[in-house]
């Protein structure tokens, strides 16, 4: 999963650091990395580029995206990722990876019973105990799956995550030290002030490596403009776009399309605020 891959500009240092984390996970030193930044800054794009690198190295990639609106079940990003994993494993391999936690994981993936046949019944437990069993079962599944191939698990848009999903992430993060699993989460830091995810994400501070993406530099903006429009911009135009957009890649692309479509010689005043309002609901 992930977004369609296009021109990748200006994040090589961040990608290289994530690549080192991926190599460490392949060697049995898993970790959690959280990538933060404003909308459009390139968090999902960076994750997608890492996913491509992971696949080229023979690692498995699982992807879950949080849902902004109402109606999504608890654990929604985990359900997506685990469902993807289950779909590409044959029943015998999947049963081995699930181990004693099959019935617990089936609470998230009811379709497991159809693939694996009758599953043992989970014991009657208090809610907190049942929750712990579920978390332990998911962590165990990921660790055993990583023994077959290194895994990159991307959980996108965590600022929209439900508390149960973030609690599971916190549990899994504690289990990654000797796992062949890299978990990469993305979130919009500018939206945490009004998000119920703020406190749970803060509790991950000691368990995660944090990367905060800023705007692209002027040279990178010029490169992105050239890739978007098909022609190299003049130095003055590139600097103007950089100043008005703050180097936000999504804003840069939108400005480039605006200039190309309307054949404008200059950027209209207030374009950054207009773009912010217009693009606030788009993926990061």
Protein backbone atom coordinates (compact mmCIF):
# COMPACT_ATOMS: atom_id res chain seq x y z
CA UNK A 1 0.00 0.00 0.00
CA UNK A 2 1.03 3.64 0.27
CA UNK A 3 0.82 6.51 -2.15
CA UNK A 4 1.89 6.35 -5.81
CA UNK A 5 5.58 6.97 -6.07
CA UNK A 6 6.83 10.02 -7.95
CA UNK A 7 9.79 12.37 -7.77
CA UNK A 8 11.60 12.11 -4.45
CA UNK A 9 13.43 15.32 -3.55
CA UNK A 10 15.35 16.60 -0.57
CA UNK A 11 14.88 13.86 2.00
CA UNK A 12 17.92 11.72 1.31
CA UNK A 13 19.42 12.16 4.76
CA UNK A 14 16.18 11.14 6.44
CA UNK A 15 15.78 8.20 4.06
CA UNK A 16 19.32 7.06 4.76
CA UNK A 17 18.70 7.16 8.51
CA UNK A 18 15.54 5.12 8.07
CA UNK A 19 17.47 2.75 5.83
CA UNK A 20 19.94 2.22 8.67
CA UNK A 21 17.05 1.44 10.99
CA UNK A 22 15.72 -1.03 8.43
CA UNK A 23 19.13 -2.73 8.18
CA UNK A 24 19.31 -2.93 11.98
CA UNK A 25 15.86 -4.53 12.07
CA UNK A 26 16.95 -7.09 9.47
CA UNK A 27 19.82 -7.94 11.83
CA UNK A 28 17.42 -8.45 14.75
CA UNK A 29 17.45 -4.98 16.28
CA UNK A 30 13.95 -3.70 15.66
CA UNK A 31 12.71 -0.26 16.59
CA UNK A 32 9.94 2.31 16.32
CA UNK A 33 10.42 5.56 14.40
CA UNK A 34 7.85 8.37 14.46
CA UNK A 35 7.93 10.91 11.62
CA UNK A 36 6.17 14.22 12.32
CA UNK A 37 5.44 17.35 10.33
CA UNK A 38 2.76 19.60 8.91
CA UNK A 39 0.28 18.49 6.23
CA UNK A 40 1.91 18.06 2.83
CA UNK A 41 5.47 18.06 4.16
CA UNK A 42 6.19 14.56 2.83
CA UNK A 43 5.80 12.14 5.72
CA UNK A 44 3.81 9.56 3.78
CA UNK A 45 6.02 10.06 0.73
CA UNK A 46 9.10 9.32 2.82
CA UNK A 47 7.45 6.20 4.25
CA UNK A 48 6.53 5.07 0.77
CA UNK A 49 10.11 5.53 -0.44
CA UNK A 50 11.36 3.46 2.50
CA UNK A 51 8.77 0.79 1.66
CA UNK A 52 10.17 0.58 -1.86
CA UNK A 53 13.67 0.17 -0.48
CA UNK A 54 12.46 -2.49 1.96
CA UNK A 55 10.83 -4.52 -0.82
CA UNK A 56 13.99 -4.32 -2.94
CA UNK A 57 15.92 -5.81 -0.01
CA UNK A 58 13.48 -8.68 0.37
CA UNK A 59 11.63 -7.36 3.40
CA UNK A 60 7.87 -7.58 3.79
CA UNK A 61 5.90 -4.36 3.98
CA UNK A 62 2.62 -3.94 5.87
CA UNK A 63 0.64 -0.70 5.79
CA UNK A 64 -2.24 0.65 7.84
CA UNK A 65 -3.77 4.12 7.60
CA UNK A 66 -5.85 5.75 10.30
CA UNK A 67 -9.30 7.07 9.44
CA UNK A 68 -10.29 10.68 10.15
CA UNK A 69 -14.06 10.24 10.10
CA UNK A 70 -16.50 8.37 12.26
CA UNK A 71 -17.32 4.69 12.00
CA UNK A 72 -13.91 3.02 11.86
CA UNK A 73 -13.51 0.14 14.32
CA UNK A 74 -10.95 0.18 17.09
CA UNK A 75 -7.49 -0.94 15.94
CA UNK A 76 -8.33 0.04 12.35
CA UNK A 77 -4.72 0.62 11.10
CA UNK A 78 -3.65 -2.65 12.72
CA UNK A 79 -6.55 -4.51 11.14
CA UNK A 80 -5.49 -3.29 7.69
CA UNK A 81 -1.86 -4.25 8.18
CA UNK A 82 -2.54 -7.66 9.73
CA UNK A 83 -5.18 -8.48 7.15
CA UNK A 84 -2.65 -7.73 4.43
CA UNK A 85 -0.14 -10.00 6.11
CA UNK A 86 -2.61 -12.84 6.56
CA UNK A 87 -3.67 -12.63 2.92
CA UNK A 88 -0.16 -13.29 1.63
CA UNK A 89 0.69 -16.17 3.96
CA UNK A 90 -0.37 -19.74 3.29
CA UNK A 91 -2.49 -21.24 6.07
CA UNK A 92 0.26 -23.45 7.49
CA UNK A 93 2.76 -20.58 7.74
CA UNK A 94 0.14 -18.25 9.17
CA UNK A 95 -0.93 -20.75 11.81
CA UNK A 96 2.72 -21.20 12.86
CA UNK A 97 3.21 -17.42 13.12
CA UNK A 98 0.03 -16.99 15.14
CA UNK A 99 1.01 -19.70 17.59
CA UNK A 100 -1.12 -19.75 20.73
CA UNK A 101 -2.47 -16.29 19.90
CA UNK A 102 -4.59 -17.33 16.91
CA UNK A 103 -7.92 -16.97 18.70
CA UNK A 104 -6.90 -13.61 20.11
CA UNK A 105 -5.82 -12.18 16.75
CA UNK A 106 -9.06 -13.52 15.29
CA UNK A 107 -10.82 -10.89 17.41
CA UNK A 108 -9.33 -8.34 15.00
CA UNK A 109 -9.52 -10.55 11.91
CA UNK A 110 -12.70 -12.65 12.07
CA UNK A 111 -11.91 -14.09 8.64
CA UNK A 112 -9.02 -16.10 10.09
CA UNK A 113 -11.33 -18.90 11.10
CA UNK A 114 -12.40 -19.30 7.48
CA UNK A 115 -8.78 -19.72 6.40
CA UNK A 116 -7.43 -21.75 9.29
CA UNK A 117 -10.43 -23.80 10.32
CA UNK A 118 -11.72 -24.03 13.86
CA UNK A 119 -9.64 -22.04 16.34
CA UNK A 120 -9.33 -22.77 20.05
CA UNK A 121 -11.59 -20.72 22.25
CA UNK A 122 -9.98 -17.92 24.26
CA UNK A 123 -10.50 -18.31 28.01
CA UNK A 124 -13.03 -16.06 29.71
CA UNK A 125 -11.03 -13.15 31.07
CA UNK A 126 -11.51 -9.73 32.57
CA UNK A 127 -11.33 -6.96 29.92
CA UNK A 128 -7.84 -5.84 30.92
CA UNK A 129 -6.53 -9.41 30.78
CA UNK A 130 -8.17 -10.03 27.39
CA UNK A 131 -6.62 -6.82 26.10
CA UNK A 132 -3.18 -7.90 27.31
CA UNK A 133 -3.57 -11.28 25.59
CA UNK A 134 -4.51 -9.55 22.36
CA UNK A 135 -1.53 -7.21 22.50
CA UNK A 136 0.83 -10.06 23.30
CA UNK A 137 -0.61 -12.13 20.45
CA UNK A 138 -0.09 -9.33 17.90
CA UNK A 139 3.45 -8.67 19.11
CA UNK A 140 4.21 -12.38 18.95
CA UNK A 141 2.81 -12.63 15.42
CA UNK A 142 5.01 -9.78 14.21
CA UNK A 143 8.12 -11.20 15.83
CA UNK A 144 7.57 -14.67 14.41
CA UNK A 145 6.73 -13.25 10.99
CA UNK A 146 9.98 -11.31 11.11
CA UNK A 147 11.90 -14.56 11.52
CA UNK A 148 10.80 -15.52 7.99
CA UNK A 149 11.53 -12.11 6.45
CA UNK A 150 12.31 -8.69 7.92
CA UNK A 151 9.18 -6.56 8.23
CA UNK A 152 8.46 -2.88 7.77
CA UNK A 153 5.15 -1.92 9.36
CA UNK A 154 3.89 1.56 8.43
CA UNK A 155 1.11 3.13 10.50
CA UNK A 156 0.13 6.32 8.70
CA UNK A 157 -1.71 9.39 10.05
CA UNK A 158 -1.45 8.47 13.72
CA UNK A 159 -2.92 11.86 14.71
CA UNK A 160 -6.26 10.26 13.75
CA UNK A 161 -5.60 6.98 15.57
CA UNK A 162 -7.94 5.66 18.22
CA UNK A 163 -6.55 5.15 21.70
CA UNK A 164 -6.65 1.36 21.42
CA UNK A 165 -4.42 1.45 18.33
CA UNK A 166 -1.93 3.69 20.10
CA UNK A 167 -1.96 1.51 23.21
CA UNK A 168 -1.14 -1.50 21.04
CA UNK A 169 1.65 0.47 19.36
CA UNK A 170 3.11 1.31 22.77
CA UNK A 171 3.02 -2.38 23.74
CA UNK A 172 4.61 -3.53 20.48
CA UNK A 173 7.34 -0.89 20.79
CA UNK A 174 8.48 -2.56 24.02
CA UNK A 175 8.87 -5.89 22.20
CA UNK A 176 10.96 -4.77 19.24
CA UNK A 177 14.46 -4.87 20.69
CA UNK A 178 15.25 -8.39 19.43
CA UNK A 179 12.71 -8.46 16.58
CA UNK A 180 13.33 -8.21 12.84
CA UNK A 181 10.65 -5.55 12.61
CA UNK A 182 10.80 -1.82 11.96
CA UNK A 183 7.63 0.10 12.81
CA UNK A 184 7.29 3.52 11.20
CA UNK A 185 4.51 5.86 12.32
CA UNK A 186 3.62 9.22 10.80
CA UNK A 187 1.58 12.04 12.28
CA UNK A 188 0.81 15.72 11.90
CA UNK A 189 2.36 17.48 14.87
CA UNK A 190 0.43 20.70 14.14
CA UNK A 191 -2.86 18.89 14.80
CA UNK A 192 -1.99 17.18 18.08
CA UNK A 193 -3.31 20.03 20.20
CA UNK A 194 -6.88 19.07 19.31
CA UNK A 195 -6.33 15.33 18.93
CA UNK A 196 -6.97 12.61 21.52
CA UNK A 197 -3.80 11.00 20.19
CA UNK A 198 -1.58 13.68 21.76
CA UNK A 199 -1.15 12.07 25.16
CA UNK A 200 -0.69 8.47 23.91
CA UNK A 201 1.89 9.65 21.36
CA UNK A 202 3.72 11.58 24.08
CA UNK A 203 3.97 8.37 26.11
CA UNK A 204 5.92 6.82 23.23
CA UNK A 205 8.67 9.42 23.56
CA UNK A 206 11.09 7.10 25.31
CA UNK A 207 10.36 4.17 23.00
CA UNK A 208 10.80 5.81 19.62
CA UNK A 209 13.23 7.69 17.43
CA UNK A 210 11.57 10.93 16.35
CA UNK A 211 12.09 12.65 13.01
CA UNK A 212 10.46 16.01 12.35
CA UNK A 213 10.36 17.05 8.70
CA UNK A 214 10.77 20.70 7.83
CA UNK A 215 10.41 22.47 4.51
CA UNK A 216 12.68 21.77 1.56
CA UNK A 217 15.61 24.06 0.90
CA UNK A 218 15.62 26.50 -2.01
CA UNK A 219 17.70 24.21 -4.24
CA UNK A 220 15.35 21.31 -3.58
CA UNK A 221 12.35 23.52 -4.34
CA UNK A 222 13.94 24.39 -7.69
CA UNK A 223 14.44 20.69 -8.41
CA UNK A 224 10.86 19.89 -7.49
CA UNK A 225 9.56 22.73 -9.67
CA UNK A 226 11.59 21.39 -12.59
CA UNK A 227 10.27 17.86 -12.05
CA UNK A 228 6.68 19.11 -11.82
CA UNK A 229 6.67 21.53 -14.75
CA UNK A 230 9.26 19.92 -17.01
CA UNK A 231 11.44 23.04 -17.15
CA UNK A 232 14.05 24.56 -14.90
CA UNK A 233 12.80 27.67 -13.06
CA UNK A 234 14.80 30.84 -12.85
CA UNK A 235 16.60 31.50 -9.58
CA UNK A 236 14.26 34.38 -8.65
CA UNK A 237 11.14 32.28 -9.22
CA UNK A 238 12.51 29.33 -7.25
CA UNK A 239 13.37 31.62 -4.32
CA UNK A 240 9.94 33.22 -4.47
CA UNK A 241 8.19 29.85 -4.43
CA UNK A 242 10.39 28.74 -1.57
CA UNK A 243 9.54 31.86 0.42
CA UNK A 244 5.79 31.70 -0.20
CA UNK A 245 5.42 27.95 0.43
CA UNK A 246 7.96 27.48 3.18
CA UNK A 247 9.37 24.59 1.14
CA UNK A 248 6.29 22.44 1.73
CA UNK A 249 6.47 19.93 -1.17
CA UNK A 250 2.73 19.68 -1.66
CA UNK A 251 2.39 23.46 -1.77
CA UNK A 252 5.34 23.71 -4.17
CA UNK A 253 3.68 21.27 -6.58
CA UNK A 254 0.38 23.12 -6.40
CA UNK A 255 2.07 26.46 -7.06
CA UNK A 256 3.96 24.93 -9.98
CA UNK A 257 0.73 23.66 -11.51
CA UNK A 258 -0.94 27.02 -10.93
CA UNK A 259 1.89 28.90 -12.62
CA UNK A 260 1.97 26.47 -15.54
CA UNK A 261 -1.81 26.44 -16.05
CA UNK A 262 -2.25 30.22 -15.89
CA UNK A 263 1.15 31.16 -17.33
CA UNK A 264 1.72 33.52 -14.42
CA UNK A 265 4.99 35.44 -14.26
CA UNK A 266 4.78 35.74 -10.45
CA UNK A 267 3.18 34.07 -7.47
CA UNK A 268 0.02 35.68 -6.10
CA UNK A 269 0.16 37.11 -2.59
CA UNK A 270 -1.30 34.96 0.18
CA UNK A 271 -0.86 31.74 -1.79
CA UNK A 272 0.45 29.77 1.18
CA UNK A 273 -2.62 30.52 3.30
CA UNK A 274 -4.93 29.75 0.40
CA UNK A 275 -3.18 26.44 -0.17
CA UNK A 276 -3.31 25.61 3.52
CA UNK A 277 -7.07 26.02 3.57
CA UNK A 278 -7.52 24.20 0.28
CA UNK A 279 -5.26 21.26 1.04
CA UNK A 280 -5.86 20.84 4.77
CA UNK A 281 -7.73 17.59 4.27
CA UNK A 282 -5.27 15.96 1.88
CA UNK A 283 -2.81 13.20 2.85
CA UNK A 284 0.54 14.18 4.32
